[in-house]
Amino acid sequence: MLVVHEWWGHNEYACKRARMLAELGYTALAVDMYGDGRQAMHPDEAGKFSSGLMKDFDTAKARFLAALDFLKEQPTVDPNRIAAIGYCFGGGIALNMARQGVDIRGVASFHGSLTAIKPAQPGAVKAKILVLHGADDTFITPEQIAAFKKEMKTAGADYQFISYPGVIHSFTNPDADTYAKKFNLPLAYNADADRKSWEELKKFFHTIFRE
């Protein structure tokens, strides 16, 4: 499993999720997409890091593929049975890798960006896709959701889109409430949606790895 961090960078939260996957019996790697362990201490800095990398998507893809290659080399890993999960910015990265036809079993996005760097072409998406979304997430517009679903349908992608009513951005991260208060951001942890979305992830993995 590849785990792609939020826009804050390669921090303890991403590592915690990798450990949770390890506890389920998977080999998990938390990927440093920014490089050199850079972490943002302020939303402005986080926005600069994340948007800069999205604009230089060749570098983002190269880093993701380097992590994928490293994971494939591990003795506990079947190179034909790999998936990626991502949170917020990381969810957007995972979805865009699927759009680009990266050859892995599946990708799952938690409260992730839905914007396409390059829209998926028909038949290009090899990975099965799971999107776990807060219905009241103000970072994602209804138009973006509609465009994403239309894009996936046009591309012939195998995808699920699960939306949790009354839930807003960063709902899986217990630190979201701290960030919300400190920086006046529309974020909130939701324990119920966190639990339900993790259960959906486990079911998703069971499906894609059983095939």
N, C-alpha and C. Protein backbone atom coordinates (compact mmCIF):
# COMPACT_ATOMS: atom_id res chain seq x y z
N MET A 1 0.83 -1.20 0.00
CA MET A 1 0.00 0.00 0.00
C MET A 1 0.87 1.26 0.00
N LEU A 2 0.51 2.17 -0.86
CA LEU A 2 1.11 3.50 -0.83
C LEU A 2 0.14 4.44 -0.12
N VAL A 3 0.66 5.26 0.79
CA VAL A 3 -0.16 6.23 1.52
C VAL A 3 0.34 7.63 1.19
N VAL A 4 -0.53 8.46 0.63
CA VAL A 4 -0.13 9.81 0.22
C VAL A 4 -0.74 10.83 1.18
N HIS A 5 0.10 11.69 1.70
CA HIS A 5 -0.24 12.62 2.78
C HIS A 5 -1.17 13.76 2.35
N GLU A 6 -1.69 14.45 3.37
CA GLU A 6 -2.47 15.68 3.19
C GLU A 6 -1.54 16.81 2.73
N TRP A 7 -2.14 17.98 2.50
CA TRP A 7 -1.33 19.09 2.00
C TRP A 7 -0.32 19.60 3.04
N TRP A 8 -0.46 19.16 4.29
CA TRP A 8 0.51 19.55 5.32
C TRP A 8 1.87 18.90 5.11
N GLY A 9 1.91 17.81 4.37
CA GLY A 9 3.19 17.14 4.11
C GLY A 9 3.28 15.78 4.80
N HIS A 10 4.46 15.19 4.68
CA HIS A 10 4.73 13.82 5.17
C HIS A 10 4.88 13.87 6.69
N ASN A 11 3.73 13.82 7.37
CA ASN A 11 3.74 14.01 8.82
C ASN A 11 3.30 12.74 9.55
N GLU A 12 3.11 12.86 10.84
CA GLU A 12 2.75 11.70 11.67
C GLU A 12 1.41 11.09 11.25
N TYR A 13 0.48 11.92 10.77
CA TYR A 13 -0.82 11.37 10.39
C TYR A 13 -0.68 10.36 9.25
N ALA A 14 0.08 10.68 8.23
CA ALA A 14 0.28 9.74 7.11
C ALA A 14 0.96 8.47 7.60
N CYS A 15 1.93 8.63 8.49
CA CYS A 15 2.63 7.45 9.03
C CYS A 15 1.69 6.60 9.88
N LYS A 16 0.80 7.26 10.62
CA LYS A 16 -0.19 6.53 11.44
C LYS A 16 -1.08 5.65 10.55
N ARG A 17 -1.53 6.21 9.44
CA ARG A 17 -2.37 5.44 8.53
C ARG A 17 -1.60 4.26 7.92
N ALA A 18 -0.33 4.47 7.63
CA ALA A 18 0.50 3.37 7.13
C ALA A 18 0.61 2.27 8.18
N ARG A 19 0.78 2.66 9.43
CA ARG A 19 0.85 1.66 10.51
C ARG A 19 -0.48 0.92 10.65
N MET A 20 -1.58 1.61 10.49
CA MET A 20 -2.90 0.96 10.57
C MET A 20 -3.05 -0.09 9.47
N LEU A 21 -2.54 0.22 8.29
CA LEU A 21 -2.58 -0.76 7.20
C LEU A 21 -1.67 -1.95 7.52
N ALA A 22 -0.52 -1.66 8.12
CA ALA A 22 0.40 -2.74 8.51
C ALA A 22 -0.27 -3.67 9.52
N GLU A 23 -1.05 -3.08 10.43
CA GLU A 23 -1.76 -3.89 11.42
C GLU A 23 -2.81 -4.81 10.79
N LEU A 24 -3.26 -4.43 9.59
CA LEU A 24 -4.21 -5.27 8.85
C LEU A 24 -3.48 -6.35 8.03
N GLY A 25 -2.15 -6.31 8.06
CA GLY A 25 -1.37 -7.33 7.37
C GLY A 25 -0.77 -6.88 6.05
N TYR A 26 -0.95 -5.60 5.70
CA TYR A 26 -0.39 -5.09 4.45
C TYR A 26 1.00 -4.49 4.67
N THR A 27 1.80 -4.48 3.63
CA THR A 27 3.05 -3.71 3.65
C THR A 27 2.71 -2.31 3.17
N ALA A 28 2.98 -1.31 3.98
CA ALA A 28 2.56 0.06 3.67
C ALA A 28 3.74 1.02 3.66
N LEU A 29 3.71 1.94 2.72
CA LEU A 29 4.76 2.96 2.58
C LEU A 29 4.11 4.33 2.53
N ALA A 30 4.43 5.20 3.49
CA ALA A 30 3.96 6.58 3.47
C ALA A 30 4.90 7.39 2.57
N VAL A 31 4.37 7.91 1.49
CA VAL A 31 5.16 8.56 0.45
C VAL A 31 5.38 10.03 0.77
N ASP A 32 6.60 10.51 0.59
CA ASP A 32 6.92 11.94 0.77
C ASP A 32 6.84 12.61 -0.60
N MET A 33 5.69 13.20 -0.91
CA MET A 33 5.51 13.81 -2.23
C MET A 33 6.22 15.15 -2.38
N TYR A 34 6.45 15.86 -1.27
CA TYR A 34 7.10 17.17 -1.36
C TYR A 34 8.62 17.04 -1.45
N GLY A 35 9.16 15.94 -0.94
CA GLY A 35 10.61 15.74 -0.95
C GLY A 35 11.29 16.36 0.25
N ASP A 36 12.34 15.72 0.71
CA ASP A 36 13.17 16.22 1.83
C ASP A 36 12.39 16.36 3.13
N GLY A 37 11.27 15.64 3.24
CA GLY A 37 10.50 15.68 4.48
C GLY A 37 9.85 17.01 4.78
N ARG A 38 9.67 17.85 3.76
CA ARG A 38 9.10 19.19 4.00
C ARG A 38 7.67 19.10 4.54
N GLN A 39 7.41 19.89 5.58
CA GLN A 39 6.07 19.97 6.15
C GLN A 39 5.66 21.42 6.26
N ALA A 40 4.39 21.69 5.98
CA ALA A 40 3.86 23.05 6.06
C ALA A 40 3.38 23.33 7.48
N MET A 41 3.70 24.51 7.97
CA MET A 41 3.26 24.93 9.29
C MET A 41 2.07 25.89 9.23
N HIS A 42 1.71 26.32 8.00
CA HIS A 42 0.63 27.28 7.81
C HIS A 42 -0.10 26.93 6.52
N PRO A 43 -1.42 27.18 6.44
CA PRO A 43 -2.16 26.87 5.22
C PRO A 43 -1.60 27.53 3.96
N ASP A 44 -1.07 28.74 4.09
CA ASP A 44 -0.49 29.40 2.91
C ASP A 44 0.70 28.61 2.38
N GLU A 45 1.50 28.11 3.29
CA GLU A 45 2.66 27.31 2.91
C GLU A 45 2.20 25.97 2.32
N ALA A 46 1.20 25.38 2.94
CA ALA A 46 0.66 24.10 2.44
C ALA A 46 0.11 24.28 1.03
N GLY A 47 -0.61 25.37 0.81
CA GLY A 47 -1.17 25.65 -0.51
C GLY A 47 -0.08 25.84 -1.56
N LYS A 48 1.00 26.50 -1.13
CA LYS A 48 2.12 26.72 -2.05
C LYS A 48 2.79 25.40 -2.42
N PHE A 49 3.02 24.55 -1.43
CA PHE A 49 3.64 23.25 -1.69
C PHE A 49 2.77 22.40 -2.61
N SER A 50 1.47 22.30 -2.27
CA SER A 50 0.59 21.39 -3.00
C SER A 50 0.31 21.89 -4.41
N SER A 51 0.02 23.18 -4.57
CA SER A 51 -0.28 23.70 -5.91
C SER A 51 0.97 23.67 -6.78
N GLY A 52 2.12 23.92 -6.17
CA GLY A 52 3.37 23.88 -6.94
C GLY A 52 3.63 22.49 -7.51
N LEU A 53 3.36 21.47 -6.71
CA LEU A 53 3.59 20.11 -7.18
C LEU A 53 2.54 19.71 -8.21
N MET A 54 1.31 20.13 -8.03
CA MET A 54 0.28 19.81 -9.01
C MET A 54 0.57 20.47 -10.36
N LYS A 55 1.16 21.66 -10.32
CA LYS A 55 1.52 22.33 -11.58
C LYS A 55 2.71 21.65 -12.25
N ASP A 56 3.54 21.00 -11.46
CA ASP A 56 4.69 20.25 -11.99
C ASP A 56 4.37 18.76 -11.86
N PHE A 57 3.33 18.33 -12.57
CA PHE A 57 2.83 16.98 -12.36
C PHE A 57 3.80 15.90 -12.82
N ASP A 58 4.70 16.24 -13.72
CA ASP A 58 5.72 15.26 -14.13
C ASP A 58 6.58 14.86 -12.94
N THR A 59 6.92 15.85 -12.10
CA THR A 59 7.70 15.56 -10.90
C THR A 59 6.88 14.75 -9.91
N ALA A 60 5.61 15.12 -9.74
CA ALA A 60 4.73 14.37 -8.83
C ALA A 60 4.62 12.92 -9.28
N LYS A 61 4.42 12.72 -10.57
CA LYS A 61 4.28 11.35 -11.07
C LYS A 61 5.58 10.57 -10.89
N ALA A 62 6.71 11.23 -11.14
CA ALA A 62 8.01 10.56 -10.97
C ALA A 62 8.23 10.13 -9.53
N ARG A 63 7.86 10.97 -8.58
CA ARG A 63 8.01 10.61 -7.16
C ARG A 63 7.08 9.46 -6.79
N PHE A 64 5.86 9.51 -7.28
CA PHE A 64 4.91 8.44 -6.99
C PHE A 64 5.41 7.12 -7.57
N LEU A 65 5.87 7.14 -8.80
CA LEU A 65 6.36 5.91 -9.44
C LEU A 65 7.63 5.39 -8.78
N ALA A 66 8.47 6.31 -8.29
CA ALA A 66 9.68 5.88 -7.57
C ALA A 66 9.29 5.15 -6.29
N ALA A 67 8.28 5.67 -5.59
CA ALA A 67 7.79 5.00 -4.37
C ALA A 67 7.18 3.65 -4.73
N LEU A 68 6.44 3.61 -5.83
CA LEU A 68 5.82 2.36 -6.28
C LEU A 68 6.89 1.31 -6.60
N ASP A 69 7.93 1.73 -7.30
CA ASP A 69 9.01 0.80 -7.64
C ASP A 69 9.72 0.29 -6.39
N PHE A 70 9.94 1.19 -5.43
CA PHE A 70 10.58 0.80 -4.17
C PHE A 70 9.73 -0.21 -3.42
N LEU A 71 8.41 0.03 -3.39
CA LEU A 71 7.50 -0.88 -2.70
C LEU A 71 7.51 -2.26 -3.36
N LYS A 72 7.54 -2.28 -4.68
CA LYS A 72 7.55 -3.55 -5.42
C LYS A 72 8.77 -4.41 -5.09
N GLU A 73 9.86 -3.76 -4.70
CA GLU A 73 11.11 -4.48 -4.42
C GLU A 73 11.12 -5.14 -3.04
N GLN A 74 10.15 -4.80 -2.20
CA GLN A 74 10.17 -5.33 -0.84
C GLN A 74 9.78 -6.81 -0.84
N PRO A 75 10.44 -7.62 -0.02
CA PRO A 75 10.22 -9.07 -0.04
C PRO A 75 8.81 -9.50 0.36
N THR A 76 8.09 -8.63 1.07
CA THR A 76 6.73 -8.98 1.52
C THR A 76 5.66 -8.53 0.53
N VAL A 77 6.07 -7.99 -0.61
CA VAL A 77 5.12 -7.38 -1.54
C VAL A 77 4.98 -8.19 -2.83
N ASP A 78 3.73 -8.44 -3.22
CA ASP A 78 3.42 -8.98 -4.54
C ASP A 78 3.28 -7.78 -5.47
N PRO A 79 4.18 -7.59 -6.44
CA PRO A 79 4.15 -6.40 -7.28
C PRO A 79 2.88 -6.25 -8.12
N ASN A 80 2.11 -7.32 -8.21
CA ASN A 80 0.86 -7.26 -8.97
C ASN A 80 -0.35 -6.99 -8.09
N ARG A 81 -0.11 -6.77 -6.80
CA ARG A 81 -1.22 -6.56 -5.85
C ARG A 81 -0.91 -5.35 -4.98
N ILE A 82 -0.95 -4.18 -5.62
CA ILE A 82 -0.63 -2.93 -4.93
C ILE A 82 -1.78 -1.94 -5.11
N ALA A 83 -2.05 -1.16 -4.06
CA ALA A 83 -3.06 -0.10 -4.12
C ALA A 83 -2.48 1.15 -3.47
N ALA A 84 -3.18 2.27 -3.65
CA ALA A 84 -2.75 3.54 -3.06
C ALA A 84 -3.94 4.21 -2.41
N ILE A 85 -3.69 4.84 -1.27
CA ILE A 85 -4.72 5.67 -0.63
C ILE A 85 -4.15 7.06 -0.40
N GLY A 86 -5.04 8.05 -0.36
CA GLY A 86 -4.57 9.40 -0.14
C GLY A 86 -5.60 10.23 0.58
N TYR A 87 -5.11 11.24 1.29
CA TYR A 87 -5.96 12.11 2.10
C TYR A 87 -5.83 13.55 1.61
N CYS A 88 -6.98 14.20 1.35
CA CYS A 88 -7.00 15.59 0.88
C CYS A 88 -6.14 15.73 -0.37
N PHE A 89 -5.07 16.49 -0.31
CA PHE A 89 -4.12 16.60 -1.43
C PHE A 89 -3.70 15.22 -1.92
N GLY A 90 -3.43 14.31 -0.98
CA GLY A 90 -3.00 12.96 -1.34
C GLY A 90 -4.07 12.18 -2.08
N GLY A 91 -5.33 12.44 -1.73
CA GLY A 91 -6.42 11.81 -2.47
C GLY A 91 -6.43 12.27 -3.92
N GLY A 92 -6.20 13.56 -4.11
CA GLY A 92 -6.11 14.10 -5.46
C GLY A 92 -4.96 13.50 -6.24
N ILE A 93 -3.83 13.32 -5.56
CA ILE A 93 -2.67 12.67 -6.21
C ILE A 93 -3.04 11.26 -6.64
N ALA A 94 -3.63 10.49 -5.73
CA ALA A 94 -3.98 9.10 -6.04
C ALA A 94 -4.95 9.01 -7.21
N LEU A 95 -5.96 9.89 -7.22
CA LEU A 95 -6.94 9.88 -8.31
C LEU A 95 -6.29 10.26 -9.64
N ASN A 96 -5.38 11.22 -9.60
CA ASN A 96 -4.73 11.62 -10.84
C ASN A 96 -3.76 10.56 -11.36
N MET A 97 -3.17 9.79 -10.47
CA MET A 97 -2.34 8.67 -10.92
C MET A 97 -3.21 7.61 -11.61
N ALA A 98 -4.39 7.38 -11.06
CA ALA A 98 -5.31 6.44 -11.70
C ALA A 98 -5.73 6.95 -13.08
N ARG A 99 -6.00 8.25 -13.16
CA ARG A 99 -6.36 8.85 -14.45
C ARG A 99 -5.26 8.65 -15.50
N GLN A 100 -4.01 8.69 -15.03
CA GLN A 100 -2.87 8.56 -15.93
C GLN A 100 -2.57 7.11 -16.30
N GLY A 101 -3.37 6.19 -15.76
CA GLY A 101 -3.21 4.80 -16.14
C GLY A 101 -2.15 4.05 -15.37
N VAL A 102 -1.75 4.57 -14.20
CA VAL A 102 -0.76 3.85 -13.39
C VAL A 102 -1.33 2.47 -13.05
N ASP A 103 -0.50 1.46 -13.23
CA ASP A 103 -0.96 0.08 -13.18
C ASP A 103 -0.91 -0.48 -11.75
N ILE A 104 -1.93 -0.14 -10.97
CA ILE A 104 -2.09 -0.72 -9.64
C ILE A 104 -3.54 -1.18 -9.52
N ARG A 105 -3.82 -1.99 -8.49
CA ARG A 105 -5.15 -2.59 -8.37
C ARG A 105 -6.25 -1.56 -8.07
N GLY A 106 -5.93 -0.61 -7.21
CA GLY A 106 -6.96 0.34 -6.83
C GLY A 106 -6.40 1.58 -6.17
N VAL A 107 -7.21 2.63 -6.14
CA VAL A 107 -6.87 3.84 -5.38
C VAL A 107 -8.10 4.26 -4.58
N ALA A 108 -7.85 4.75 -3.38
CA ALA A 108 -8.93 5.26 -2.52
C ALA A 108 -8.57 6.67 -2.08
N SER A 109 -9.55 7.57 -2.19
CA SER A 109 -9.36 8.97 -1.83
C SER A 109 -10.28 9.32 -0.67
N PHE A 110 -9.68 9.84 0.41
CA PHE A 110 -10.44 10.34 1.57
C PHE A 110 -10.44 11.86 1.51
N HIS A 111 -11.63 12.45 1.47
CA HIS A 111 -11.80 13.91 1.38
C HIS A 111 -10.75 14.55 0.46
N GLY A 112 -10.60 13.94 -0.71
CA GLY A 112 -9.57 14.38 -1.65
C GLY A 112 -10.09 15.31 -2.73
N SER A 113 -9.15 16.01 -3.35
CA SER A 113 -9.46 16.85 -4.51
C SER A 113 -9.92 15.99 -5.67
N LEU A 114 -10.91 16.47 -6.42
CA LEU A 114 -11.44 15.71 -7.56
C LEU A 114 -10.98 16.28 -8.90
N THR A 115 -10.22 17.36 -8.87
CA THR A 115 -9.82 18.04 -10.10
C THR A 115 -8.81 17.22 -10.89
N ALA A 116 -9.04 17.13 -12.19
CA ALA A 116 -8.15 16.36 -13.07
C ALA A 116 -7.00 17.23 -13.59
N ILE A 117 -5.77 16.74 -13.46
CA ILE A 117 -4.64 17.38 -14.12
C ILE A 117 -4.78 17.17 -15.63
N LYS A 118 -5.03 15.93 -16.01
CA LYS A 118 -5.38 15.57 -17.39
C LYS A 118 -6.56 14.60 -17.28
N PRO A 119 -7.71 14.93 -17.84
CA PRO A 119 -8.87 14.04 -17.71
C PRO A 119 -8.57 12.63 -18.24
N ALA A 120 -9.15 11.65 -17.59
CA ALA A 120 -8.94 10.26 -17.99
C ALA A 120 -9.52 10.02 -19.37
N GLN A 121 -8.77 9.30 -20.18
CA GLN A 121 -9.23 8.93 -21.51
C GLN A 121 -9.95 7.59 -21.46
N PRO A 122 -10.89 7.35 -22.37
CA PRO A 122 -11.61 6.07 -22.36
C PRO A 122 -10.67 4.87 -22.37
N GLY A 123 -10.88 3.98 -21.41
CA GLY A 123 -10.07 2.78 -21.32
C GLY A 123 -8.73 2.93 -20.64
N ALA A 124 -8.39 4.16 -20.22
CA ALA A 124 -7.05 4.39 -19.66
C ALA A 124 -6.93 4.00 -18.19
N VAL A 125 -8.05 4.05 -17.45
CA VAL A 125 -7.99 3.83 -16.00
C VAL A 125 -7.96 2.33 -15.70
N LYS A 126 -6.82 1.87 -15.19
CA LYS A 126 -6.67 0.45 -14.86
C LYS A 126 -7.08 0.15 -13.43
N ALA A 127 -6.88 1.10 -12.55
CA ALA A 127 -7.18 0.91 -11.13
C ALA A 127 -8.67 1.08 -10.85
N LYS A 128 -9.20 0.29 -9.95
CA LYS A 128 -10.54 0.53 -9.42
C LYS A 128 -10.44 1.71 -8.45
N ILE A 129 -11.51 2.48 -8.35
CA ILE A 129 -11.46 3.75 -7.62
C ILE A 129 -12.55 3.79 -6.54
N LEU A 130 -12.15 4.25 -5.35
CA LEU A 130 -13.08 4.49 -4.25
C LEU A 130 -12.89 5.92 -3.76
N VAL A 131 -13.97 6.70 -3.81
CA VAL A 131 -13.93 8.08 -3.31
C VAL A 131 -14.81 8.17 -2.07
N LEU A 132 -14.23 8.64 -0.97
CA LEU A 132 -14.92 8.78 0.32
C LEU A 132 -14.96 10.28 0.64
N HIS A 133 -16.16 10.83 0.64
CA HIS A 133 -16.32 12.28 0.57
C HIS A 133 -17.29 12.79 1.64
N GLY A 134 -16.98 13.94 2.20
CA GLY A 134 -17.90 14.61 3.12
C GLY A 134 -18.91 15.44 2.33
N ALA A 135 -20.19 15.17 2.50
CA ALA A 135 -21.21 15.82 1.68
C ALA A 135 -21.24 17.34 1.85
N ASP A 136 -20.78 17.83 3.01
CA ASP A 136 -20.79 19.27 3.27
C ASP A 136 -19.40 19.90 3.16
N ASP A 137 -18.51 19.23 2.45
CA ASP A 137 -17.13 19.70 2.25
C ASP A 137 -17.15 20.92 1.32
N THR A 138 -16.83 22.09 1.86
CA THR A 138 -16.89 23.32 1.05
C THR A 138 -15.69 23.50 0.12
N PHE A 139 -14.69 22.63 0.27
CA PHE A 139 -13.54 22.70 -0.64
C PHE A 139 -13.86 22.06 -1.99
N ILE A 140 -14.91 21.24 -2.03
CA ILE A 140 -15.29 20.54 -3.25
C ILE A 140 -16.68 21.00 -3.66
N THR A 141 -16.81 21.54 -4.85
CA THR A 141 -18.09 22.07 -5.30
C THR A 141 -18.96 20.97 -5.93
N PRO A 142 -20.28 21.17 -5.94
CA PRO A 142 -21.16 20.22 -6.62
C PRO A 142 -20.78 20.05 -8.10
N GLU A 143 -20.31 21.14 -8.70
CA GLU A 143 -19.90 21.07 -10.12
C GLU A 143 -18.69 20.16 -10.29
N GLN A 144 -17.77 20.21 -9.35
CA GLN A 144 -16.60 19.33 -9.41
C GLN A 144 -16.99 17.86 -9.25
N ILE A 145 -17.95 17.60 -8.38
CA ILE A 145 -18.43 16.23 -8.18
C ILE A 145 -19.09 15.72 -9.46
N ALA A 146 -19.94 16.55 -10.04
CA ALA A 146 -20.63 16.16 -11.28
C ALA A 146 -19.63 15.92 -12.40
N ALA A 147 -18.64 16.79 -12.50
CA ALA A 147 -17.62 16.65 -13.55
C ALA A 147 -16.81 15.38 -13.35
N PHE A 148 -16.48 15.07 -12.09
CA PHE A 148 -15.71 13.86 -11.80
C PHE A 148 -16.50 12.61 -12.20
N LYS A 149 -17.76 12.56 -11.81
CA LYS A 149 -18.58 11.39 -12.12
C LYS A 149 -18.76 11.23 -13.63
N LYS A 150 -18.95 12.34 -14.32
CA LYS A 150 -19.08 12.30 -15.78
C LYS A 150 -17.78 11.80 -16.42
N GLU A 151 -16.66 12.32 -15.92
CA GLU A 151 -15.34 11.90 -16.43
C GLU A 151 -15.13 10.41 -16.23
N MET A 152 -15.45 9.90 -15.05
CA MET A 152 -15.25 8.48 -14.76
C MET A 152 -16.15 7.62 -15.66
N LYS A 153 -17.38 8.07 -15.85
CA LYS A 153 -18.30 7.32 -16.70
C LYS A 153 -17.82 7.30 -18.14
N THR A 154 -17.38 8.45 -18.64
CA THR A 154 -16.88 8.54 -20.01
C THR A 154 -15.64 7.68 -20.21
N ALA A 155 -14.79 7.63 -19.18
CA ALA A 155 -13.56 6.85 -19.26
C ALA A 155 -13.80 5.36 -19.09
N GLY A 156 -15.01 5.01 -18.65
CA GLY A 156 -15.30 3.59 -18.41
C GLY A 156 -14.63 3.06 -17.16
N ALA A 157 -14.37 3.96 -16.20
CA ALA A 157 -13.68 3.56 -14.97
C ALA A 157 -14.62 2.81 -14.04
N ASP A 158 -14.06 1.89 -13.28
CA ASP A 158 -14.79 1.16 -12.24
C ASP A 158 -14.62 1.96 -10.95
N TYR A 159 -15.66 2.70 -10.55
CA TYR A 159 -15.50 3.58 -9.39
C TYR A 159 -16.73 3.56 -8.49
N GLN A 160 -16.47 3.88 -7.22
CA GLN A 160 -17.53 4.09 -6.23
C GLN A 160 -17.35 5.48 -5.64
N PHE A 161 -18.45 6.19 -5.43
CA PHE A 161 -18.40 7.51 -4.80
C PHE A 161 -19.35 7.46 -3.60
N ILE A 162 -18.78 7.52 -2.41
CA ILE A 162 -19.58 7.44 -1.18
C ILE A 162 -19.51 8.79 -0.46
N SER A 163 -20.67 9.34 -0.17
CA SER A 163 -20.76 10.67 0.44
C SER A 163 -21.42 10.56 1.81
N TYR A 164 -20.82 11.23 2.81
CA TYR A 164 -21.32 11.18 4.18
C TYR A 164 -22.04 12.48 4.53
N PRO A 165 -23.35 12.43 4.75
CA PRO A 165 -24.13 13.64 5.03
C PRO A 165 -23.65 14.36 6.29
N GLY A 166 -23.65 15.69 6.22
CA GLY A 166 -23.30 16.50 7.38
C GLY A 166 -21.82 16.52 7.72
N VAL A 167 -21.00 15.95 6.86
CA VAL A 167 -19.56 15.80 7.14
C VAL A 167 -18.77 16.78 6.27
N ILE A 168 -17.74 17.41 6.86
CA ILE A 168 -16.95 18.39 6.11
C ILE A 168 -15.51 17.89 5.92
N HIS A 169 -14.69 18.78 5.44
CA HIS A 169 -13.34 18.40 5.00
C HIS A 169 -12.46 17.89 6.14
N SER A 170 -11.58 16.97 5.80
CA SER A 170 -10.59 16.41 6.72
C SER A 170 -11.23 15.57 7.83
N PHE A 171 -12.34 14.93 7.51
CA PHE A 171 -13.13 14.23 8.53
C PHE A 171 -12.44 13.02 9.14
N THR A 172 -11.37 12.52 8.54
CA THR A 172 -10.69 11.35 9.12
C THR A 172 -9.57 11.71 10.08
N ASN A 173 -9.20 12.97 10.12
CA ASN A 173 -8.01 13.37 10.89
C ASN A 173 -8.41 14.01 12.23
N PRO A 174 -8.09 13.37 13.36
CA PRO A 174 -8.42 13.96 14.67
C PRO A 174 -7.80 15.33 14.90
N ASP A 175 -6.74 15.66 14.17
CA ASP A 175 -6.12 16.98 14.31
C ASP A 175 -6.88 18.07 13.56
N ALA A 176 -7.90 17.68 12.79
CA ALA A 176 -8.63 18.67 11.98
C ALA A 176 -9.23 19.77 12.84
N ASP A 177 -9.74 19.42 14.01
CA ASP A 177 -10.36 20.43 14.88
C ASP A 177 -9.33 21.46 15.36
N THR A 178 -8.11 20.99 15.62
CA THR A 178 -7.04 21.90 16.02
C THR A 178 -6.69 22.85 14.89
N TYR A 179 -6.54 22.29 13.68
CA TYR A 179 -6.24 23.13 12.50
C TYR A 179 -7.36 24.14 12.26
N ALA A 180 -8.59 23.68 12.41
CA ALA A 180 -9.75 24.55 12.17
C ALA A 180 -9.73 25.76 13.11
N LYS A 181 -9.46 25.49 14.38
CA LYS A 181 -9.46 26.57 15.38
C LYS A 181 -8.26 27.50 15.19
N LYS A 182 -7.10 26.92 14.91
CA LYS A 182 -5.87 27.71 14.79
C LYS A 182 -5.87 28.62 13.56
N PHE A 183 -6.41 28.08 12.44
CA PHE A 183 -6.31 28.82 11.17
C PHE A 183 -7.67 29.25 10.61
N ASN A 184 -8.75 29.06 11.39
CA ASN A 184 -10.09 29.43 10.95
C ASN A 184 -10.44 28.78 9.61
N LEU A 185 -10.29 27.46 9.56
CA LEU A 185 -10.56 26.70 8.34
C LEU A 185 -11.82 25.83 8.53
N PRO A 186 -12.56 25.59 7.45
CA PRO A 186 -13.77 24.74 7.55
C PRO A 186 -13.41 23.26 7.55
N LEU A 187 -12.80 22.81 8.64
CA LEU A 187 -12.39 21.42 8.82
C LEU A 187 -13.03 20.88 10.10
N ALA A 188 -13.27 19.58 10.14
CA ALA A 188 -13.74 18.97 11.40
C ALA A 188 -13.58 17.46 11.33
N TYR A 189 -13.06 16.91 12.41
CA TYR A 189 -13.00 15.45 12.54
C TYR A 189 -14.41 14.93 12.78
N ASN A 190 -14.71 13.78 12.19
CA ASN A 190 -16.01 13.13 12.43
C ASN A 190 -15.74 11.66 12.67
N ALA A 191 -15.84 11.25 13.91
CA ALA A 191 -15.46 9.88 14.30
C ALA A 191 -16.30 8.83 13.57
N ASP A 192 -17.58 9.11 13.39
CA ASP A 192 -18.45 8.14 12.74
C ASP A 192 -18.06 7.96 11.27
N ALA A 193 -17.85 9.07 10.56
CA ALA A 193 -17.45 9.00 9.15
C ALA A 193 -16.05 8.41 9.01
N ASP A 194 -15.19 8.70 9.96
CA ASP A 194 -13.84 8.11 9.96
C ASP A 194 -13.94 6.60 10.04
N ARG A 195 -14.74 6.11 10.98
CA ARG A 195 -14.89 4.66 11.16
C ARG A 195 -15.55 4.01 9.93
N LYS A 196 -16.61 4.63 9.45
CA LYS A 196 -17.33 4.06 8.31
C LYS A 196 -16.46 4.04 7.05
N SER A 197 -15.71 5.11 6.84
CA SER A 197 -14.88 5.18 5.63
C SER A 197 -13.74 4.16 5.68
N TRP A 198 -13.20 3.93 6.88
CA TRP A 198 -12.13 2.92 7.01
C TRP A 198 -12.69 1.51 6.75
N GLU A 199 -13.91 1.27 7.20
CA GLU A 199 -14.56 -0.01 6.91
C GLU A 199 -14.80 -0.18 5.42
N GLU A 200 -15.19 0.90 4.75
CA GLU A 200 -15.36 0.85 3.29
C GLU A 200 -14.04 0.55 2.61
N LEU A 201 -12.96 1.12 3.13
CA LEU A 201 -11.64 0.85 2.55
C LEU A 201 -11.29 -0.63 2.68
N LYS A 202 -11.55 -1.20 3.83
CA LYS A 202 -11.25 -2.62 4.03
C LYS A 202 -12.05 -3.50 3.08
N LYS A 203 -13.32 -3.15 2.89
CA LYS A 203 -14.15 -3.91 1.94
C LYS A 203 -13.63 -3.76 0.52
N PHE A 204 -13.21 -2.56 0.18
CA PHE A 204 -12.65 -2.27 -1.15
C PHE A 204 -11.41 -3.12 -1.40
N PHE A 205 -10.52 -3.16 -0.42
CA PHE A 205 -9.31 -3.98 -0.56
C PHE A 205 -9.65 -5.46 -0.71
N HIS A 206 -10.61 -5.90 0.09
CA HIS A 206 -11.01 -7.31 0.00
C HIS A 206 -11.49 -7.63 -1.42
N THR A 207 -12.22 -6.70 -2.01
CA THR A 207 -12.74 -6.91 -3.37
C THR A 207 -11.64 -6.90 -4.41
N ILE A 208 -10.78 -5.89 -4.37
CA ILE A 208 -9.79 -5.77 -5.45
C ILE A 208 -8.67 -6.81 -5.36
N PHE A 209 -8.37 -7.28 -4.15
CA PHE A 209 -7.29 -8.26 -4.01
C PHE A 209 -7.77 -9.70 -4.10
N ARG A 210 -9.10 -9.87 -4.03
CA ARG A 210 -9.67 -11.20 -4.17
C ARG A 210 -9.70 -11.61 -5.64
N GLU A 211 -9.77 -10.60 -6.51
CA GLU A 211 -9.92 -10.89 -7.95
C GLU A 211 -8.62 -11.41 -8.55
